[in-house]
Amino acid sequence: MKIARLVDPETGKELEGKLKDDGLLETKDGNFHPNEVDLLAPANPGKIICVGLNYDDHADETGSEIPKRPSLFFKPPSSVVGPGDSIIITEGNRYDPEGEVAIVIGEQCRNVDKEDVWSCVLGFTGLNDVTNRDAQNWEQNWVRAKGFDTAAPIGPYILPANEAKLPLSFQLSVNGEVRQSSDTSELVFGMRELVSEVSSFMTLQAGDIISTGTPKGIEPIEAGDKVSLKIEGIGSLKNEVKYSSEA
């Protein structure tokens, strides 16, 4: 059963739940229909590690070379929003959505061998690596480009690793038009390799996220756009874009 985090509509309390086969979210406080609650980002990461240039076609469209080792950068926990939340951008800058499959760590781990990776992975979810492209073009460490508030929509659910049928296919659409379409078999550095690599120099904690990179199809968004990241077995992460002056 897929894993969720939600807000009890009566008490306002945050709850953890599982999406049952009958379509209801089962929690310790009862069952809820997904349409009757506010879904939160299904993970509450202490850190988000993202991977750049991990699809050949995205490297081609940006005129970049594939790195010899995974190219990593951070998004802070403060950048996280959930399903249905707004992506807040500023006028006068180019912002691009980047659809990605994200790995959710299930337990503390360090120096994980590739063969043992799934033992420390809780499951998979969607992450939209929203990027301020103008800031990225001049900023060496991408803090402004990748770390602004609402830059990391996550969700809608976590698909447990033991229920996932890999590879996972996904599509990112804006206003119903598909911009990105790929699957995780196209990753340059695969999911096992990424978890092993990151854990070789950094302790990973339960809830931490490794987002695996985005394929070709980078185009800008503007206020009023509706962005949807649909991942096989996980569902659709939907967010509307607003300018900061309107939020």
Protein backbone atom coordinates (compact mmCIF):
# COMPACT_ATOMS: atom_id res chain seq x y z
CA MET A 1 0.00 0.00 0.00
CA LYS A 2 1.24 3.46 -0.87
CA ILE A 3 2.33 5.68 2.02
CA ALA A 4 0.89 9.14 2.64
CA ARG A 5 1.03 12.07 5.02
CA LEU A 6 -2.11 14.11 5.48
CA VAL A 7 -3.95 16.63 7.64
CA ASP A 8 -7.01 15.48 9.59
CA PRO A 9 -9.75 17.84 8.33
CA GLU A 10 -11.41 18.01 11.76
CA THR A 11 -8.47 18.31 14.14
CA GLY A 12 -5.77 19.77 11.88
CA LYS A 13 -3.40 17.08 13.12
CA GLU A 14 -0.77 15.66 10.79
CA LEU A 15 -1.20 11.94 10.23
CA GLU A 16 0.59 9.13 8.47
CA GLY A 17 -1.54 6.80 6.41
CA LYS A 18 -1.65 4.12 3.76
CA LEU A 19 -3.72 4.16 0.60
CA LYS A 20 -5.79 0.98 0.58
CA ASP A 21 -7.11 -0.91 -2.42
CA ASP A 22 -10.57 0.58 -1.80
CA GLY A 23 -9.14 4.07 -2.37
CA LEU A 24 -9.33 5.20 1.26
CA LEU A 25 -6.43 6.46 3.36
CA GLU A 26 -6.08 4.36 6.49
CA THR A 27 -4.69 6.14 9.57
CA LYS A 28 -4.65 5.48 13.30
CA ASP A 29 -7.47 8.02 13.62
CA GLY A 30 -9.71 6.46 10.99
CA ASN A 31 -10.15 6.30 7.24
CA PHE A 32 -10.30 9.29 4.92
CA HIS A 33 -10.99 9.82 1.24
CA PRO A 34 -8.01 11.52 -0.49
CA ASN A 35 -10.32 14.23 -1.85
CA GLU A 36 -11.44 15.16 1.68
CA VAL A 37 -7.99 15.86 3.13
CA ASP A 38 -4.94 17.98 2.43
CA LEU A 39 -2.11 15.70 1.38
CA LEU A 40 1.32 16.68 2.64
CA ALA A 41 4.64 15.79 1.08
CA PRO A 42 4.81 12.05 1.92
CA ALA A 43 8.36 12.33 3.26
CA ASN A 44 9.80 14.82 5.74
CA PRO A 45 13.44 14.86 4.65
CA GLY A 46 16.30 16.20 6.71
CA LYS A 47 18.19 16.62 3.43
CA ILE A 48 17.48 16.32 -0.27
CA ILE A 49 20.34 15.27 -2.53
CA CYS A 50 19.70 15.85 -6.22
CA VAL A 51 21.58 14.57 -9.25
CA GLY A 52 22.39 16.72 -12.27
CA LEU A 53 22.88 15.51 -15.86
CA ASN A 54 21.78 11.94 -15.19
CA TYR A 55 19.96 11.42 -18.51
CA ASP A 56 21.89 11.52 -21.79
CA ASP A 57 19.12 13.39 -23.60
CA HIS A 58 19.02 16.15 -20.97
CA ALA A 59 22.79 16.57 -21.19
CA ASP A 60 22.42 16.84 -24.98
CA GLU A 61 19.73 19.52 -24.80
CA THR A 62 21.84 21.63 -22.43
CA GLY A 63 25.08 21.14 -24.36
CA SER A 64 26.72 19.51 -21.35
CA GLU A 65 28.99 16.51 -20.91
CA ILE A 66 27.98 13.60 -18.70
CA PRO A 67 30.16 13.67 -15.56
CA LYS A 68 32.35 10.71 -14.69
CA ARG A 69 30.73 10.51 -11.26
CA PRO A 70 27.24 11.66 -10.18
CA SER A 71 27.01 15.46 -10.04
CA LEU A 72 25.28 16.25 -6.76
CA PHE A 73 23.63 19.28 -5.18
CA PHE A 74 21.28 20.00 -2.27
CA LYS A 75 17.80 21.32 -1.83
CA PRO A 76 16.95 22.40 1.74
CA PRO A 77 13.96 20.98 3.65
CA SER A 78 12.41 24.46 3.55
CA SER A 79 11.97 24.11 -0.22
CA VAL A 80 9.52 21.20 0.18
CA VAL A 81 5.83 21.53 -0.63
CA GLY A 82 3.20 18.87 -1.12
CA PRO A 83 0.52 17.91 -3.61
CA GLY A 84 -1.81 20.79 -4.41
CA ASP A 85 0.51 23.44 -2.99
CA SER A 86 1.57 26.35 -5.16
CA ILE A 87 4.94 26.82 -6.82
CA ILE A 88 5.85 30.43 -6.08
CA ILE A 89 8.09 32.18 -8.60
CA THR A 90 9.17 35.78 -9.20
CA GLU A 91 8.47 37.73 -12.36
CA GLY A 92 11.40 38.51 -14.62
CA ASN A 93 13.22 35.19 -14.15
CA ARG A 94 12.97 31.93 -16.04
CA TYR A 95 11.81 28.97 -13.96
CA ASP A 96 11.71 25.40 -15.32
CA PRO A 97 10.01 22.34 -13.82
CA GLU A 98 12.06 19.14 -13.85
CA GLY A 99 10.22 15.87 -13.27
CA GLU A 100 12.15 13.23 -11.35
CA VAL A 101 11.78 9.92 -9.55
CA ALA A 102 13.00 10.28 -5.96
CA ILE A 103 14.36 7.62 -3.62
CA VAL A 104 13.18 7.82 0.00
CA ILE A 105 15.60 6.40 2.57
CA GLY A 106 14.02 4.13 5.17
CA GLU A 107 16.71 3.83 7.84
CA GLN A 108 20.04 5.30 8.83
CA CYS A 109 22.77 3.97 6.60
CA ARG A 110 26.40 4.59 5.64
CA ASN A 111 28.75 2.92 3.14
CA VAL A 112 26.00 0.84 1.55
CA ASP A 113 27.10 -1.71 -1.04
CA LYS A 114 25.16 -1.66 -4.30
CA GLU A 115 23.84 -5.15 -3.62
CA ASP A 116 22.41 -4.07 -0.26
CA VAL A 117 20.79 -0.78 -1.30
CA TRP A 118 17.17 -1.90 -1.18
CA SER A 119 17.53 -2.92 2.46
CA CYS A 120 17.78 0.76 3.45
CA VAL A 121 15.30 2.22 0.96
CA LEU A 122 11.70 2.85 2.03
CA GLY A 123 10.40 3.49 -1.46
CA PHE A 124 9.96 5.94 -4.31
CA THR A 125 8.06 9.18 -4.84
CA GLY A 126 7.89 12.09 -7.25
CA LEU A 127 9.94 15.28 -7.00
CA ASN A 128 9.73 18.36 -9.18
CA ASP A 129 13.17 19.99 -9.19
CA VAL A 130 11.91 23.50 -9.96
CA THR A 131 14.86 25.61 -11.08
CA ASN A 132 15.48 29.33 -11.40
CA ARG A 133 17.42 29.07 -14.63
CA ASP A 134 18.65 32.68 -14.60
CA ALA A 135 20.22 32.23 -11.16
CA GLN A 136 21.69 28.90 -12.20
CA ASN A 137 23.46 30.52 -15.13
CA TRP A 138 25.52 32.82 -12.93
CA GLU A 139 25.57 31.15 -9.51
CA GLN A 140 28.30 28.59 -8.98
CA ASN A 141 26.70 26.61 -6.14
CA TRP A 142 23.03 26.91 -7.24
CA VAL A 143 21.69 27.91 -3.79
CA ARG A 144 19.29 30.51 -5.23
CA ALA A 145 18.59 28.45 -8.32
CA LYS A 146 17.56 25.26 -6.54
CA GLY A 147 16.86 26.13 -2.90
CA PHE A 148 14.13 28.76 -2.90
CA ASP A 149 10.85 28.16 -1.05
CA THR A 150 8.52 25.81 -3.03
CA ALA A 151 11.40 24.58 -5.24
CA ALA A 152 10.77 20.95 -4.26
CA PRO A 153 7.19 19.72 -4.67
CA ILE A 154 7.16 16.08 -3.50
CA GLY A 155 4.50 13.38 -3.73
CA PRO A 156 1.78 12.42 -3.89
CA TYR A 157 2.62 9.09 -2.24
CA ILE A 158 5.55 6.82 -1.50
CA LEU A 159 5.51 3.53 -3.38
CA PRO A 160 7.20 0.95 -1.10
CA ALA A 161 10.35 -0.49 -2.63
CA ASN A 162 9.11 -4.05 -2.19
CA GLU A 163 6.00 -3.25 -4.26
CA ALA A 164 7.71 -1.32 -7.05
CA LYS A 165 8.11 -2.79 -10.52
CA LEU A 166 11.27 -1.23 -11.88
CA PRO A 167 11.97 0.62 -14.07
CA LEU A 168 9.47 3.37 -13.25
CA SER A 169 8.09 5.40 -16.15
CA PHE A 170 7.05 9.02 -15.70
CA GLN A 171 5.76 12.08 -17.50
CA LEU A 172 5.76 15.78 -16.66
CA SER A 173 2.96 17.85 -18.18
CA VAL A 174 2.17 21.56 -18.10
CA ASN A 175 -1.45 22.51 -18.76
CA GLY A 176 -2.04 18.99 -20.04
CA GLU A 177 0.80 19.08 -22.58
CA VAL A 178 3.51 16.46 -22.04
CA ARG A 179 6.98 18.02 -21.85
CA GLN A 180 9.03 15.18 -20.39
CA SER A 181 8.61 11.43 -20.73
CA SER A 182 11.12 8.75 -19.74
CA ASP A 183 11.77 5.92 -17.30
CA THR A 184 14.45 5.04 -14.79
CA SER A 185 16.10 2.50 -17.10
CA GLU A 186 17.52 5.55 -18.92
CA LEU A 187 19.45 6.82 -15.89
CA VAL A 188 23.18 7.23 -16.49
CA PHE A 189 23.90 6.44 -12.84
CA GLY A 190 21.28 3.97 -11.60
CA MET A 191 19.45 4.09 -8.31
CA ARG A 192 21.62 1.47 -6.62
CA GLU A 193 24.75 3.33 -7.66
CA LEU A 194 23.40 6.66 -6.42
CA VAL A 195 22.53 5.40 -2.94
CA SER A 196 25.87 3.64 -2.66
CA GLU A 197 27.78 6.72 -3.86
CA VAL A 198 26.03 9.22 -1.58
CA SER A 199 26.26 6.95 1.46
CA SER A 200 30.01 6.50 0.86
CA PHE A 201 30.68 10.00 2.24
CA MET A 202 27.47 10.99 4.02
CA THR A 203 25.24 9.32 6.60
CA LEU A 204 21.70 9.02 5.28
CA GLN A 205 18.79 9.20 7.71
CA ALA A 206 15.24 7.87 7.49
CA GLY A 207 13.19 10.24 5.36
CA ASP A 208 16.14 11.66 3.42
CA ILE A 209 15.65 11.86 -0.33
CA ILE A 210 17.91 11.23 -3.29
CA SER A 211 16.29 12.61 -6.44
CA THR A 212 17.61 10.83 -9.50
CA GLY A 213 17.68 13.50 -12.20
CA THR A 214 15.54 14.74 -15.07
CA PRO A 215 15.30 13.87 -18.80
CA LYS A 216 15.01 16.23 -21.76
CA GLY A 217 12.10 18.62 -22.14
CA ILE A 218 13.13 21.71 -20.18
CA GLU A 219 10.82 24.65 -20.83
CA PRO A 220 9.77 27.60 -18.67
CA ILE A 221 6.61 28.05 -16.62
CA GLU A 222 4.64 31.14 -15.68
CA ALA A 223 1.87 32.10 -13.31
CA GLY A 224 -1.35 30.19 -13.89
CA ASP A 225 0.36 27.10 -15.29
CA LYS A 226 -0.68 23.74 -13.87
CA VAL A 227 2.20 21.29 -13.54
CA SER A 228 1.63 17.55 -13.18
CA LEU A 229 4.26 14.86 -12.61
CA LYS A 230 2.77 11.40 -13.14
CA ILE A 231 4.83 8.37 -12.10
CA GLU A 232 3.85 4.77 -12.70
CA GLY A 233 2.58 3.19 -9.49
CA ILE A 234 2.83 6.43 -7.50
CA GLY A 235 0.26 8.81 -8.92
CA SER A 236 0.20 12.43 -10.06
CA LEU A 237 1.87 15.31 -8.23
CA LYS A 238 -0.06 18.44 -9.20
CA ASN A 239 0.94 22.03 -8.43
CA GLU A 240 -0.17 25.39 -9.78
CA VAL A 241 2.29 28.19 -10.46
CA LYS A 242 1.86 31.65 -8.91
CA TYR A 243 3.93 34.80 -8.90
CA SER A 244 5.15 35.92 -5.49
CA SER A 245 3.24 39.18 -5.91
CA GLU A 246 0.00 37.16 -6.12
CA ALA A 247 0.66 34.59 -3.40
